Amino acid sequence: MTFPCEFFARQGIHDMLEHGGNKILPVIPQLIIPIKNALSLRNRQVLCVTLKVLQHLVVSADMVGEALVPYYRQILPVLNIFKNMNGELSLQTLCLSTLKVKKGLRQG
């Protein structure tokens, strides 16, 4: 294990999302700036981890997807940049699947 702190941080995020229940929705506004900052780094590894966390966040509790809608203008521009990149198929697929998860929850 090269970076154990990174593993524990990532696992901690997913554990909190898995067991947070009704405590997740009220903190959505506080998560937007860190999510935006992580996406703005445009570092492939950070972007992939952030997108996976976003996907988990959206399905973690009722109304989370809807609560993110007002913040799309801050989150989506970076996703659109990477969605259209050539040569980064796995990253492009991850961006598209994140957008589909968000869109599906908004329509449902």
PDB file of N, CA and C in Angstrom:
ATOM      1  N   MET A   1       0.855  -1.167   0.000  1.00  0.00           N
ATOM      2  CA  MET A   1       0.000   0.000   0.000  1.00  0.00           C
ATOM      3  C   MET A   1       0.904   1.232   0.000  1.00  0.00           C
ATOM      4  N   THR A   2       0.822   2.025  -1.066  1.00  0.00           N
ATOM      5  CA  THR A   2       1.700   3.167  -1.227  1.00  0.00           C
ATOM      6  C   THR A   2       1.300   4.336  -0.338  1.00  0.00           C
ATOM      7  N   PHE A   3       0.012   4.664  -0.333  1.00  0.00           N
ATOM      8  CA  PHE A   3      -0.479   5.804   0.440  1.00  0.00           C
ATOM      9  C   PHE A   3      -1.607   5.349   1.364  1.00  0.00           C
ATOM     10  N   PRO A   4      -1.262   4.853   2.558  1.00  0.00           N
ATOM     11  CA  PRO A   4      -2.319   4.345   3.444  1.00  0.00           C
ATOM     12  C   PRO A   4      -3.299   5.429   3.880  1.00  0.00           C
ATOM     13  N   CYS A   5      -2.842   6.665   4.041  1.00  0.00           N
ATOM     14  CA  CYS A   5      -3.750   7.749   4.448  1.00  0.00           C
ATOM     15  C   CYS A   5      -4.808   7.991   3.387  1.00  0.00           C
ATOM     16  N   GLU A   6      -4.412   7.917   2.121  1.00  0.00           N
ATOM     17  CA  GLU A   6      -5.358   8.090   1.022  1.00  0.00           C
ATOM     18  C   GLU A   6      -6.411   6.980   1.047  1.00  0.00           C
ATOM     19  N   PHE A   7      -5.990   5.765   1.273  1.00  0.00           N
ATOM     20  CA  PHE A   7      -6.922   4.646   1.346  1.00  0.00           C
ATOM     21  C   PHE A   7      -7.919   4.841   2.482  1.00  0.00           C
ATOM     22  N   PHE A   8      -7.420   5.199   3.667  1.00  0.00           N
ATOM     23  CA  PHE A   8      -8.310   5.381   4.814  1.00  0.00           C
ATOM     24  C   PHE A   8      -9.271   6.547   4.595  1.00  0.00           C
ATOM     25  N   ALA A   9      -8.801   7.622   3.977  1.00  0.00           N
ATOM     26  CA  ALA A   9      -9.678   8.768   3.695  1.00  0.00           C
ATOM     27  C   ALA A   9     -10.780   8.361   2.725  1.00  0.00           C
ATOM     28  N   ARG A  10     -10.399   7.663   1.663  1.00  0.00           N
ATOM     29  CA  ARG A  10     -11.383   7.233   0.666  1.00  0.00           C
ATOM     30  C   ARG A  10     -12.386   6.254   1.272  1.00  0.00           C
ATOM     31  N   GLN A  11     -11.882   5.308   2.034  1.00  0.00           N
ATOM     32  CA  GLN A  11     -12.768   4.328   2.666  1.00  0.00           C
ATOM     33  C   GLN A  11     -13.685   4.995   3.689  1.00  0.00           C
ATOM     34  N   GLY A  12     -13.149   5.975   4.417  1.00  0.00           N
ATOM     35  CA  GLY A  12     -13.953   6.708   5.395  1.00  0.00           C
ATOM     36  C   GLY A  12     -15.097   7.459   4.746  1.00  0.00           C
ATOM     37  N   ILE A  13     -14.834   8.073   3.588  1.00  0.00           N
ATOM     38  CA  ILE A  13     -15.886   8.779   2.862  1.00  0.00           C
ATOM     39  C   ILE A  13     -16.995   7.809   2.476  1.00  0.00           C
ATOM     40  N   HIS A  14     -16.615   6.682   1.901  1.00  0.00           N
ATOM     41  CA  HIS A  14     -17.624   5.712   1.458  1.00  0.00           C
ATOM     42  C   HIS A  14     -18.379   5.112   2.647  1.00  0.00           C
ATOM     43  N   ASP A  15     -17.692   4.883   3.752  1.00  0.00           N
ATOM     44  CA  ASP A  15     -18.378   4.378   4.953  1.00  0.00           C
ATOM     45  C   ASP A  15     -19.386   5.389   5.478  1.00  0.00           C
ATOM     46  N   MET A  16     -18.992   6.661   5.498  1.00  0.00           N
ATOM     47  CA  MET A  16     -19.927   7.697   5.962  1.00  0.00           C
ATOM     48  C   MET A  16     -21.137   7.804   5.038  1.00  0.00           C
ATOM     49  N   LEU A  17     -20.902   7.701   3.740  1.00  0.00           N
ATOM     50  CA  LEU A  17     -22.027   7.758   2.809  1.00  0.00           C
ATOM     51  C   LEU A  17     -22.924   6.534   2.946  1.00  0.00           C
ATOM     52  N   GLU A  18     -22.326   5.409   3.214  1.00  0.00           N
ATOM     53  CA  GLU A  18     -23.091   4.163   3.371  1.00  0.00           C
ATOM     54  C   GLU A  18     -23.967   4.192   4.616  1.00  0.00           C
ATOM     55  N   HIS A  19     -23.488   4.799   5.676  1.00  0.00           N
ATOM     56  CA  HIS A  19     -24.193   4.735   6.961  1.00  0.00           C
ATOM     57  C   HIS A  19     -24.726   6.091   7.444  1.00  0.00           C
ATOM     58  N   GLY A  20     -24.560   7.137   6.628  1.00  0.00           N
ATOM     59  CA  GLY A  20     -24.957   8.481   7.052  1.00  0.00           C
ATOM     60  C   GLY A  20     -26.446   8.723   7.090  1.00  0.00           C
ATOM     61  N   GLY A  21     -27.178   8.047   6.203  1.00  0.00           N
ATOM     62  CA  GLY A  21     -28.634   8.185   6.184  1.00  0.00           C
ATOM     63  C   GLY A  21     -29.107   9.623   6.093  1.00  0.00           C
ATOM     64  N   ASN A  22     -29.981  10.003   7.010  1.00  0.00           N
ATOM     65  CA  ASN A  22     -30.590  11.337   6.970  1.00  0.00           C
ATOM     66  C   ASN A  22     -29.638  12.459   7.385  1.00  0.00           C
ATOM     67  N   LYS A  23     -28.418  12.140   7.759  1.00  0.00           N
ATOM     68  CA  LYS A  23     -27.446  13.171   8.134  1.00  0.00           C
ATOM     69  C   LYS A  23     -26.696  13.721   6.910  1.00  0.00           C
ATOM     70  N   ILE A  24     -26.861  13.073   5.771  1.00  0.00           N
ATOM     71  CA  ILE A  24     -26.131  13.475   4.561  1.00  0.00           C
ATOM     72  C   ILE A  24     -26.738  14.725   3.923  1.00  0.00           C
ATOM     73  N   LEU A  25     -28.037  14.734   3.753  1.00  0.00           N
ATOM     74  CA  LEU A  25     -28.710  15.824   3.045  1.00  0.00           C
ATOM     75  C   LEU A  25     -28.399  17.216   3.612  1.00  0.00           C
ATOM     76  N   PRO A  26     -28.428  17.416   4.924  1.00  0.00           N
ATOM     77  CA  PRO A  26     -28.178  18.765   5.445  1.00  0.00           C
ATOM     78  C   PRO A  26     -26.771  19.317   5.186  1.00  0.00           C
ATOM     79  N   VAL A  27     -25.802  18.448   4.914  1.00  0.00           N
ATOM     80  CA  VAL A  27     -24.425  18.940   4.728  1.00  0.00           C
ATOM     81  C   VAL A  27     -24.031  19.107   3.255  1.00  0.00           C
ATOM     82  N   ILE A  28     -24.964  18.867   2.346  1.00  0.00           N
ATOM     83  CA  ILE A  28     -24.664  19.005   0.913  1.00  0.00           C
ATOM     84  C   ILE A  28     -24.047  20.367   0.592  1.00  0.00           C
ATOM     85  N   PRO A  29     -24.605  21.490   1.050  1.00  0.00           N
ATOM     86  CA  PRO A  29     -23.989  22.785   0.709  1.00  0.00           C
ATOM     87  C   PRO A  29     -22.528  22.907   1.148  1.00  0.00           C
ATOM     88  N   GLN A  30     -22.173  22.267   2.234  1.00  0.00           N
ATOM     89  CA  GLN A  30     -20.790  22.331   2.725  1.00  0.00           C
ATOM     90  C   GLN A  30     -19.837  21.466   1.896  1.00  0.00           C
ATOM     91  N   LEU A  31     -20.383  20.548   1.119  1.00  0.00           N
ATOM     92  CA  LEU A  31     -19.550  19.654   0.313  1.00  0.00           C
ATOM     93  C   LEU A  31     -19.210  20.225  -1.057  1.00  0.00           C
ATOM     94  N   ILE A  32     -19.962  21.208  -1.500  1.00  0.00           N
ATOM     95  CA  ILE A  32     -19.826  21.695  -2.875  1.00  0.00           C
ATOM     96  C   ILE A  32     -18.450  22.295  -3.147  1.00  0.00           C
ATOM     97  N   ILE A  33     -17.957  23.163  -2.296  1.00  0.00           N
ATOM     98  CA  ILE A  33     -16.657  23.797  -2.546  1.00  0.00           C
ATOM     99  C   ILE A  33     -15.525  22.761  -2.565  1.00  0.00           C
ATOM    100  N   PRO A  34     -15.460  21.819  -1.607  1.00  0.00           N
ATOM    101  CA  PRO A  34     -14.407  20.792  -1.718  1.00  0.00           C
ATOM    102  C   PRO A  34     -14.533  19.934  -2.982  1.00  0.00           C
ATOM    103  N   ILE A  35     -15.766  19.626  -3.386  1.00  0.00           N
ATOM    104  CA  ILE A  35     -15.960  18.853  -4.622  1.00  0.00           C
ATOM    105  C   ILE A  35     -15.486  19.672  -5.816  1.00  0.00           C
ATOM    106  N   LYS A  36     -15.889  20.932  -5.876  1.00  0.00           N
ATOM    107  CA  LYS A  36     -15.476  21.813  -6.973  1.00  0.00           C
ATOM    108  C   LYS A  36     -13.958  21.963  -7.005  1.00  0.00           C
ATOM    109  N   ASN A  37     -13.342  22.139  -5.850  1.00  0.00           N
ATOM    110  CA  ASN A  37     -11.882  22.269  -5.785  1.00  0.00           C
ATOM    111  C   ASN A  37     -11.188  21.007  -6.276  1.00  0.00           C
ATOM    112  N   ALA A  38     -11.703  19.858  -5.879  1.00  0.00           N
ATOM    113  CA  ALA A  38     -11.100  18.590  -6.308  1.00  0.00           C
ATOM    114  C   ALA A  38     -11.225  18.427  -7.821  1.00  0.00           C
ATOM    115  N   LEU A  39     -12.391  18.744  -8.376  1.00  0.00           N
ATOM    116  CA  LEU A  39     -12.576  18.639  -9.819  1.00  0.00           C
ATOM    117  C   LEU A  39     -11.719  19.647 -10.568  1.00  0.00           C
ATOM    118  N   SER A  40     -11.536  20.816 -10.002  1.00  0.00           N
ATOM    119  CA  SER A  40     -10.766  21.882 -10.659  1.00  0.00           C
ATOM    120  C   SER A  40      -9.273  21.584 -10.732  1.00  0.00           C
ATOM    121  N   LEU A  41      -8.800  20.664  -9.921  1.00  0.00           N
ATOM    122  CA  LEU A  41      -7.384  20.284  -9.988  1.00  0.00           C
ATOM    123  C   LEU A  41      -7.042  19.670 -11.337  1.00  0.00           C
ATOM    124  N   ARG A  42      -8.020  19.037 -11.965  1.00  0.00           N
ATOM    125  CA  ARG A  42      -7.869  18.381 -13.264  1.00  0.00           C
ATOM    126  C   ARG A  42      -6.789  17.312 -13.243  1.00  0.00           C
ATOM    127  N   ASN A  43      -6.559  16.775 -12.067  1.00  0.00           N
ATOM    128  CA  ASN A  43      -5.653  15.646 -11.892  1.00  0.00           C
ATOM    129  C   ASN A  43      -6.477  14.386 -12.118  1.00  0.00           C
ATOM    130  N   ARG A  44      -6.026  13.543 -13.015  1.00  0.00           N
ATOM    131  CA  ARG A  44      -6.809  12.374 -13.415  1.00  0.00           C
ATOM    132  C   ARG A  44      -7.208  11.508 -12.225  1.00  0.00           C
ATOM    133  N   GLN A  45      -6.273  11.206 -11.344  1.00  0.00           N
ATOM    134  CA  GLN A  45      -6.557  10.333 -10.202  1.00  0.00           C
ATOM    135  C   GLN A  45      -7.553  10.989  -9.245  1.00  0.00           C
ATOM    136  N   VAL A  46      -7.347  12.259  -8.943  1.00  0.00           N
ATOM    137  CA  VAL A  46      -8.256  12.985  -8.044  1.00  0.00           C
ATOM    138  C   VAL A  46      -9.638  13.083  -8.672  1.00  0.00           C
ATOM    139  N   LEU A  47      -9.687  13.332  -9.966  1.00  0.00           N
ATOM    140  CA  LEU A  47     -10.963  13.442 -10.668  1.00  0.00           C
ATOM    141  C   LEU A  47     -11.733  12.126 -10.613  1.00  0.00           C
ATOM    142  N   CYS A  48     -11.044  11.016 -10.856  1.00  0.00           N
ATOM    143  CA  CYS A  48     -11.709   9.707 -10.821  1.00  0.00           C
ATOM    144  C   CYS A  48     -12.271   9.402  -9.430  1.00  0.00           C
ATOM    145  N   VAL A  49     -11.485   9.645  -8.410  1.00  0.00           N
ATOM    146  CA  VAL A  49     -11.942   9.391  -7.040  1.00  0.00           C
ATOM    147  C   VAL A  49     -13.132  10.296  -6.710  1.00  0.00           C
ATOM    148  N   THR A  50     -13.040  11.563  -7.096  1.00  0.00           N
ATOM    149  CA  THR A  50     -14.119  12.512  -6.813  1.00  0.00           C
ATOM    150  C   THR A  50     -15.402  12.113  -7.530  1.00  0.00           C
ATOM    151  N   LEU A  51     -15.297  11.663  -8.773  1.00  0.00           N
ATOM    152  CA  LEU A  51     -16.488  11.240  -9.515  1.00  0.00           C
ATOM    153  C   LEU A  51     -17.134  10.006  -8.887  1.00  0.00           C
ATOM    154  N   LYS A  52     -16.310   9.079  -8.428  1.00  0.00           N
ATOM    155  CA  LYS A  52     -16.865   7.900  -7.754  1.00  0.00           C
ATOM    156  C   LYS A  52     -17.559   8.289  -6.456  1.00  0.00           C
ATOM    157  N   VAL A  53     -16.981   9.242  -5.737  1.00  0.00           N
ATOM    158  CA  VAL A  53     -17.613   9.730  -4.504  1.00  0.00           C
ATOM    159  C   VAL A  53     -18.920  10.442  -4.844  1.00  0.00           C
ATOM    160  N   LEU A  54     -18.925  11.249  -5.898  1.00  0.00           N
ATOM    161  CA  LEU A  54     -20.151  11.924  -6.312  1.00  0.00           C
ATOM    162  C   LEU A  54     -21.246  10.921  -6.660  1.00  0.00           C
ATOM    163  N   GLN A  55     -20.886   9.872  -7.376  1.00  0.00           N
ATOM    164  CA  GLN A  55     -21.865   8.844  -7.715  1.00  0.00           C
ATOM    165  C   GLN A  55     -22.426   8.210  -6.451  1.00  0.00           C
ATOM    166  N   HIS A  56     -21.566   7.906  -5.506  1.00  0.00           N
ATOM    167  CA  HIS A  56     -22.018   7.301  -4.251  1.00  0.00           C
ATOM    168  C   HIS A  56     -22.870   8.292  -3.466  1.00  0.00           C
ATOM    169  N   LEU A  57     -22.464   9.558  -3.465  1.00  0.00           N
ATOM    170  CA  LEU A  57     -23.212  10.592  -2.755  1.00  0.00           C
ATOM    171  C   LEU A  57     -24.640  10.688  -3.285  1.00  0.00           C
ATOM    172  N   VAL A  58     -24.790  10.678  -4.601  1.00  0.00           N
ATOM    173  CA  VAL A  58     -26.104  10.843  -5.220  1.00  0.00           C
ATOM    174  C   VAL A  58     -27.061   9.722  -4.827  1.00  0.00           C
ATOM    175  N   VAL A  59     -26.553   8.524  -4.667  1.00  0.00           N
ATOM    176  CA  VAL A  59     -27.430   7.390  -4.336  1.00  0.00           C
ATOM    177  C   VAL A  59     -27.435   7.059  -2.842  1.00  0.00           C
ATOM    178  N   SER A  60     -26.752   7.859  -2.043  1.00  0.00           N
ATOM    179  CA  SER A  60     -26.580   7.533  -0.627  1.00  0.00           C
ATOM    180  C   SER A  60     -27.819   7.782   0.227  1.00  0.00           C
ATOM    181  N   ALA A  61     -28.661   8.722  -0.166  1.00  0.00           N
ATOM    182  CA  ALA A  61     -29.839   9.050   0.642  1.00  0.00           C
ATOM    183  C   ALA A  61     -30.890   9.695  -0.260  1.00  0.00           C
ATOM    184  N   ASP A  62     -32.118   9.683   0.193  1.00  0.00           N
ATOM    185  CA  ASP A  62     -33.206  10.310  -0.553  1.00  0.00           C
ATOM    186  C   ASP A  62     -32.950  11.802  -0.715  1.00  0.00           C
ATOM    187  N   MET A  63     -33.282  12.308  -1.884  1.00  0.00           N
ATOM    188  CA  MET A  63     -33.253  13.739  -2.191  1.00  0.00           C
ATOM    189  C   MET A  63     -31.847  14.328  -2.351  1.00  0.00           C
ATOM    190  N   VAL A  64     -30.799  13.541  -2.262  1.00  0.00           N
ATOM    191  CA  VAL A  64     -29.444  14.086  -2.418  1.00  0.00           C
ATOM    192  C   VAL A  64     -29.233  14.543  -3.853  1.00  0.00           C
ATOM    193  N   GLY A  65     -29.666  13.744  -4.816  1.00  0.00           N
ATOM    194  CA  GLY A  65     -29.534  14.143  -6.218  1.00  0.00           C
ATOM    195  C   GLY A  65     -30.232  15.461  -6.487  1.00  0.00           C
ATOM    196  N   GLU A  66     -31.433  15.594  -5.965  1.00  0.00           N
ATOM    197  CA  GLU A  66     -32.191  16.832  -6.136  1.00  0.00           C
ATOM    198  C   GLU A  66     -31.519  18.004  -5.413  1.00  0.00           C
ATOM    199  N   ALA A  67     -30.906  17.735  -4.273  1.00  0.00           N
ATOM    200  CA  ALA A  67     -30.225  18.789  -3.516  1.00  0.00           C
ATOM    201  C   ALA A  67     -28.986  19.303  -4.246  1.00  0.00           C
ATOM    202  N   LEU A  68     -28.419  18.485  -5.139  1.00  0.00           N
ATOM    203  CA  LEU A  68     -27.237  18.903  -5.897  1.00  0.00           C
ATOM    204  C   LEU A  68     -27.586  19.766  -7.101  1.00  0.00           C
ATOM    205  N   VAL A  69     -28.842  19.748  -7.556  1.00  0.00           N
ATOM    206  CA  VAL A  69     -29.238  20.474  -8.766  1.00  0.00           C
ATOM    207  C   VAL A  69     -28.844  21.955  -8.721  1.00  0.00           C
ATOM    208  N   PRO A  70     -29.071  22.689  -7.636  1.00  0.00           N
ATOM    209  CA  PRO A  70     -28.676  24.099  -7.631  1.00  0.00           C
ATOM    210  C   PRO A  70     -27.166  24.324  -7.777  1.00  0.00           C
ATOM    211  N   TYR A  71     -26.391  23.297  -7.582  1.00  0.00           N
ATOM    212  CA  TYR A  71     -24.931  23.417  -7.631  1.00  0.00           C
ATOM    213  C   TYR A  71     -24.340  22.883  -8.938  1.00  0.00           C
ATOM    214  N   TYR A  72     -25.173  22.455  -9.866  1.00  0.00           N
ATOM    215  CA  TYR A  72     -24.682  21.906 -11.131  1.00  0.00           C
ATOM    216  C   TYR A  72     -23.787  22.891 -11.879  1.00  0.00           C
ATOM    217  N   ARG A  73     -24.102  24.169 -11.806  1.00  0.00           N
ATOM    218  CA  ARG A  73     -23.301  25.172 -12.523  1.00  0.00           C
ATOM    219  C   ARG A  73     -21.870  25.206 -12.010  1.00  0.00           C
ATOM    220  N   GLN A  74     -21.656  24.773 -10.797  1.00  0.00           N
ATOM    221  CA  GLN A  74     -20.308  24.743 -10.235  1.00  0.00           C
ATOM    222  C   GLN A  74     -19.599  23.424 -10.515  1.00  0.00           C
ATOM    223  N   ILE A  75     -20.372  22.353 -10.656  1.00  0.00           N
ATOM    224  CA  ILE A  75     -19.796  21.015 -10.789  1.00  0.00           C
ATOM    225  C   ILE A  75     -19.665  20.570 -12.250  1.00  0.00           C
ATOM    226  N   LEU A  76     -20.671  20.846 -13.071  1.00  0.00           N
ATOM    227  CA  LEU A  76     -20.726  20.285 -14.417  1.00  0.00           C
ATOM    228  C   LEU A  76     -19.688  20.796 -15.414  1.00  0.00           C
ATOM    229  N   PRO A  77     -19.245  22.056 -15.366  1.00  0.00           N
ATOM    230  CA  PRO A  77     -18.290  22.499 -16.393  1.00  0.00           C
ATOM    231  C   PRO A  77     -17.037  21.630 -16.489  1.00  0.00           C
ATOM    232  N   VAL A  78     -16.473  21.233 -15.379  1.00  0.00           N
ATOM    233  CA  VAL A  78     -15.268  20.396 -15.420  1.00  0.00           C
ATOM    234  C   VAL A  78     -15.600  19.015 -15.991  1.00  0.00           C
ATOM    235  N   LEU A  79     -16.770  18.483 -15.640  1.00  0.00           N
ATOM    236  CA  LEU A  79     -17.165  17.182 -16.181  1.00  0.00           C
ATOM    237  C   LEU A  79     -17.293  17.255 -17.697  1.00  0.00           C
ATOM    238  N   ASN A  80     -17.843  18.331 -18.212  1.00  0.00           N
ATOM    239  CA  ASN A  80     -18.003  18.468 -19.654  1.00  0.00           C
ATOM    240  C   ASN A  80     -16.662  18.549 -20.369  1.00  0.00           C
ATOM    241  N   ILE A  81     -15.680  19.163 -19.750  1.00  0.00           N
ATOM    242  CA  ILE A  81     -14.343  19.226 -20.350  1.00  0.00           C
ATOM    243  C   ILE A  81     -13.783  17.816 -20.508  1.00  0.00           C
ATOM    244  N   PHE A  82     -13.881  17.023 -19.444  1.00  0.00           N
ATOM    245  CA  PHE A  82     -13.313  15.676 -19.481  1.00  0.00           C
ATOM    246  C   PHE A  82     -14.181  14.698 -20.257  1.00  0.00           C
ATOM    247  N   LYS A  83     -15.468  14.973 -20.327  1.00  0.00           N
ATOM    248  CA  LYS A  83     -16.382  14.099 -21.067  1.00  0.00           C
ATOM    249  C   LYS A  83     -15.995  14.052 -22.535  1.00  0.00           C
ATOM    250  N   ASN A  84     -15.496  15.153 -23.055  1.00  0.00           N
ATOM    251  CA  ASN A  84     -15.195  15.269 -24.479  1.00  0.00           C
ATOM    252  C   ASN A  84     -13.732  15.007 -24.815  1.00  0.00           C
ATOM    253  N   MET A  85     -12.925  14.593 -23.833  1.00  0.00           N
ATOM    254  CA  MET A  85     -11.511  14.336 -24.091  1.00  0.00           C
ATOM    255  C   MET A  85     -11.319  13.063 -24.896  1.00  0.00           C
ATOM    256  N   ASN A  86     -10.408  13.123 -25.840  1.00  0.00           N
ATOM    257  CA  ASN A  86     -10.037  11.926 -26.604  1.00  0.00           C
ATOM    258  C   ASN A  86      -8.880  11.241 -25.903  1.00  0.00           C
ATOM    259  N   GLY A  87      -8.836   9.931 -25.991  1.00  0.00           N
ATOM    260  CA  GLY A  87      -7.726   9.177 -25.437  1.00  0.00           C
ATOM    261  C   GLY A  87      -7.865   8.852 -23.958  1.00  0.00           C
ATOM    262  N   GLU A  88      -8.870   9.319 -23.303  1.00  0.00           N
ATOM    263  CA  GLU A  88      -9.084   9.057 -21.873  1.00  0.00           C
ATOM    264  C   GLU A  88     -10.410   8.315 -21.714  1.00  0.00           C
ATOM    265  N   LEU A  89     -10.494   7.143 -22.312  1.00  0.00           N
ATOM    266  CA  LEU A  89     -11.758   6.428 -22.379  1.00  0.00           C
ATOM    267  C   LEU A  89     -12.325   6.111 -21.005  1.00  0.00           C
ATOM    268  N   SER A  90     -11.495   5.629 -20.071  1.00  0.00           N
ATOM    269  CA  SER A  90     -12.039   5.283 -18.758  1.00  0.00           C
ATOM    270  C   SER A  90     -12.514   6.519 -18.008  1.00  0.00           C
ATOM    271  N   LEU A  91     -11.792   7.613 -18.132  1.00  0.00           N
ATOM    272  CA  LEU A  91     -12.200   8.862 -17.494  1.00  0.00           C
ATOM    273  C   LEU A  91     -13.457   9.402 -18.164  1.00  0.00           C
ATOM    274  N   GLN A  92     -13.520   9.315 -19.486  1.00  0.00           N
ATOM    275  CA  GLN A  92     -14.701   9.759 -20.218  1.00  0.00           C
ATOM    276  C   GLN A  92     -15.921   8.930 -19.800  1.00  0.00           C
ATOM    277  N   THR A  93     -15.744   7.627 -19.682  1.00  0.00           N
ATOM    278  CA  THR A  93     -16.825   6.748 -19.260  1.00  0.00           C
ATOM    279  C   THR A  93     -17.287   7.099 -17.851  1.00  0.00           C
ATOM    280  N   LEU A  94     -16.357   7.381 -16.965  1.00  0.00           N
ATOM    281  CA  LEU A  94     -16.695   7.744 -15.587  1.00  0.00           C
ATOM    282  C   LEU A  94     -17.469   9.062 -15.545  1.00  0.00           C
ATOM    283  N   CYS A  95     -17.051  10.038 -16.333  1.00  0.00           N
ATOM    284  CA  CYS A  95     -17.777  11.318 -16.399  1.00  0.00           C
ATOM    285  C   CYS A  95     -19.191  11.100 -16.908  1.00  0.00           C
ATOM    286  N   LEU A  96     -19.317  10.334 -17.980  1.00  0.00           N
ATOM    287  CA  LEU A  96     -20.645  10.090 -18.550  1.00  0.00           C
ATOM    288  C   LEU A  96     -21.541   9.328 -17.588  1.00  0.00           C
ATOM    289  N   SER A  97     -20.996   8.342 -16.889  1.00  0.00           N
ATOM    290  CA  SER A  97     -21.821   7.583 -15.953  1.00  0.00           C
ATOM    291  C   SER A  97     -22.231   8.441 -14.759  1.00  0.00           C
ATOM    292  N   THR A  98     -21.366   9.363 -14.334  1.00  0.00           N
ATOM    293  CA  THR A  98     -21.724  10.286 -13.245  1.00  0.00           C
ATOM    294  C   THR A  98     -22.858  11.198 -13.690  1.00  0.00           C
ATOM    295  N   LEU A  99     -22.752  11.712 -14.910  1.00  0.00           N
ATOM    296  CA  LEU A  99     -23.818  12.568 -15.427  1.00  0.00           C
ATOM    297  C   LEU A  99     -25.133  11.796 -15.546  1.00  0.00           C
ATOM    298  N   LYS A 100     -25.077  10.534 -15.945  1.00  0.00           N
ATOM    299  CA  LYS A 100     -26.291   9.729 -16.068  1.00  0.00           C
ATOM    300  C   LYS A 100     -26.920   9.461 -14.709  1.00  0.00           C
ATOM    301  N   VAL A 101     -26.102   9.202 -13.698  1.00  0.00           N
ATOM    302  CA  VAL A 101     -26.636   8.974 -12.347  1.00  0.00           C
ATOM    303  C   VAL A 101     -27.358  10.224 -11.885  1.00  0.00           C
ATOM    304  N   LYS A 102     -26.747  11.388 -12.079  1.00  0.00           N
ATOM    305  CA  LYS A 102     -27.369  12.645 -11.660  1.00  0.00           C
ATOM    306  C   LYS A 102     -28.653  12.905 -12.440  1.00  0.00           C
ATOM    307  N   LYS A 103     -28.600  12.703 -13.750  1.00  0.00           N
ATOM    308  CA  LYS A 103     -29.759  12.970 -14.597  1.00  0.00           C
ATOM    309  C   LYS A 103     -30.900  12.021 -14.262  1.00  0.00           C
ATOM    310  N   GLY A 104     -30.591  10.752 -14.059  1.00  0.00           N
ATOM    311  CA  GLY A 104     -31.617   9.766 -13.732  1.00  0.00           C
ATOM    312  C   GLY A 104     -32.326  10.089 -12.426  1.00  0.00           C
ATOM    313  N   LEU A 105     -31.613  10.534 -11.440  1.00  0.00           N
ATOM    314  CA  LEU A 105     -32.225  10.866 -10.164  1.00  0.00           C
ATOM    315  C   LEU A 105     -33.055  12.138 -10.262  1.00  0.00           C
ATOM    316  N   ARG A 106     -32.613  13.064 -11.086  1.00  0.00           N
ATOM    317  CA  ARG A 106     -33.363  14.310 -11.233  1.00  0.00           C
ATOM    318  C   ARG A 106     -34.689  14.050 -11.942  1.00  0.00           C
ATOM    319  N   GLN A 107     -34.690  13.127 -12.915  1.00  0.00           N
ATOM    320  CA  GLN A 107     -35.916  12.838 -13.645  1.00  0.00           C
ATOM    321  C   GLN A 107     -36.859  11.962 -12.851  1.00  0.00           C
ATOM    322  N   GLY A 108     -36.290  11.106 -11.969  1.00  0.00           N
ATOM    323  CA  GLY A 108     -37.094  10.146 -11.209  1.00  0.00           C
ATOM    324  C   GLY A 108     -37.795  10.774 -10.128  1.00  0.00           C
TER     325      GLY A 108
END
